[in-house]
């Protein structure tokens, strides 16, 4: 995800014209990365909930 932010930022700062498909590919990879991070956060909270419920029992 960070790499895609870097790539997108460099292309915008240097005013590099990307083809439509390249631009969509960068956006797609960044979107998939955001989905993976969201799933990881949900799994983290599930893990925390399980660990606190076993500690209280």
C-alpha atoms as a PDB file:
ATOM      1  CA  UNK A   1       0.000   0.000   0.000  1.00  0.00           C
ATOM      2  CA  UNK A   2       2.790   2.399   0.909  1.00  0.00           C
ATOM      3  CA  UNK A   3       4.616   1.613  -2.302  1.00  0.00           C
ATOM      4  CA  UNK A   4       1.519   2.453  -4.351  1.00  0.00           C
ATOM      5  CA  UNK A   5       1.197   5.787  -2.496  1.00  0.00           C
ATOM      6  CA  UNK A   6       4.830   6.470  -3.347  1.00  0.00           C
ATOM      7  CA  UNK A   7       4.372   5.522  -7.017  1.00  0.00           C
ATOM      8  CA  UNK A   8       1.202   7.593  -7.315  1.00  0.00           C
ATOM      9  CA  UNK A   9       2.817  10.580  -5.607  1.00  0.00           C
ATOM     10  CA  UNK A  10       5.942  10.476  -7.763  1.00  0.00           C
ATOM     11  CA  UNK A  11       3.912  10.301 -10.963  1.00  0.00           C
ATOM     12  CA  UNK A  12       1.790  13.267  -9.892  1.00  0.00           C
ATOM     13  CA  UNK A  13       4.690  15.424  -8.690  1.00  0.00           C
ATOM     14  CA  UNK A  14       6.747  14.774 -11.809  1.00  0.00           C
ATOM     15  CA  UNK A  15       3.643  15.216 -13.990  1.00  0.00           C
ATOM     16  CA  UNK A  16       4.196  11.861 -15.676  1.00  0.00           C
ATOM     17  CA  UNK A  17       1.294  10.995 -17.939  1.00  0.00           C
ATOM     18  CA  UNK A  18       0.210   7.431 -17.320  1.00  0.00           C
ATOM     19  CA  UNK A  19      -1.991   5.467 -19.604  1.00  0.00           C
ATOM     20  CA  UNK A  20      -5.507   4.882 -18.382  1.00  0.00           C
ATOM     21  CA  UNK A  21      -4.803   1.214 -17.736  1.00  0.00           C
ATOM     22  CA  UNK A  22      -1.656   1.989 -15.710  1.00  0.00           C
ATOM     23  CA  UNK A  23      -3.529   4.520 -13.618  1.00  0.00           C
ATOM     24  CA  UNK A  24      -6.331   2.040 -12.997  1.00  0.00           C
ATOM     25  CA  UNK A  25      -3.821  -0.689 -12.129  1.00  0.00           C
ATOM     26  CA  UNK A  26      -2.152   1.498  -9.486  1.00  0.00           C
ATOM     27  CA  UNK A  27      -5.549   2.396  -8.039  1.00  0.00           C
ATOM     28  CA  UNK A  28      -6.627  -1.251  -8.072  1.00  0.00           C
ATOM     29  CA  UNK A  29      -3.534  -2.441  -6.230  1.00  0.00           C
ATOM     30  CA  UNK A  30      -3.954   0.316  -3.656  1.00  0.00           C
ATOM     31  CA  UNK A  31      -7.617  -0.649  -3.238  1.00  0.00           C
ATOM     32  CA  UNK A  32      -6.769  -4.306  -2.703  1.00  0.00           C
ATOM     33  CA  UNK A  33      -4.177  -3.261  -0.131  1.00  0.00           C
ATOM     34  CA  UNK A  34      -6.797  -1.248   1.740  1.00  0.00           C
ATOM     35  CA  UNK A  35      -9.122  -4.261   1.782  1.00  0.00           C
ATOM     36  CA  UNK A  36      -6.343  -6.459   3.179  1.00  0.00           C
ATOM     37  CA  UNK A  37      -5.538  -3.893   5.890  1.00  0.00           C
ATOM     38  CA  UNK A  38      -9.236  -3.698   6.797  1.00  0.00           C
ATOM     39  CA  UNK A  39      -9.468  -7.476   7.117  1.00  0.00           C
ATOM     40  CA  UNK A  40      -6.306  -7.499   9.243  1.00  0.00           C
ATOM     41  CA  UNK A  41      -7.786  -4.913  11.608  1.00  0.00           C
ATOM     42  CA  UNK A  42     -10.993  -6.951  11.974  1.00  0.00           C
ATOM     43  CA  UNK A  43      -8.949 -10.104  12.696  1.00  0.00           C
ATOM     44  CA  UNK A  44      -6.891  -8.167  15.246  1.00  0.00           C
ATOM     45  CA  UNK A  45     -10.015  -7.084  17.114  1.00  0.00           C
ATOM     46  CA  UNK A  46     -11.436 -10.612  17.023  1.00  0.00           C
ATOM     47  CA  UNK A  47      -8.161 -11.920  18.434  1.00  0.00           C
ATOM     48  CA  UNK A  48      -8.158  -9.276  21.155  1.00  0.00           C
ATOM     49  CA  UNK A  49     -11.745 -10.099  22.063  1.00  0.00           C
ATOM     50  CA  UNK A  50     -10.945 -13.805  22.333  1.00  0.00           C
ATOM     51  CA  UNK A  51      -7.876 -13.154  24.459  1.00  0.00           C
ATOM     52  CA  UNK A  52      -9.785 -10.928  26.879  1.00  0.00           C
ATOM     53  CA  UNK A  53     -12.646 -13.407  27.181  1.00  0.00           C
ATOM     54  CA  UNK A  54     -10.259 -16.263  28.022  1.00  0.00           C
ATOM     55  CA  UNK A  55      -8.484 -14.076  30.585  1.00  0.00           C
ATOM     56  CA  UNK A  56     -11.775 -13.222  32.311  1.00  0.00           C
ATOM     57  CA  UNK A  57     -12.943 -16.833  32.467  1.00  0.00           C
END
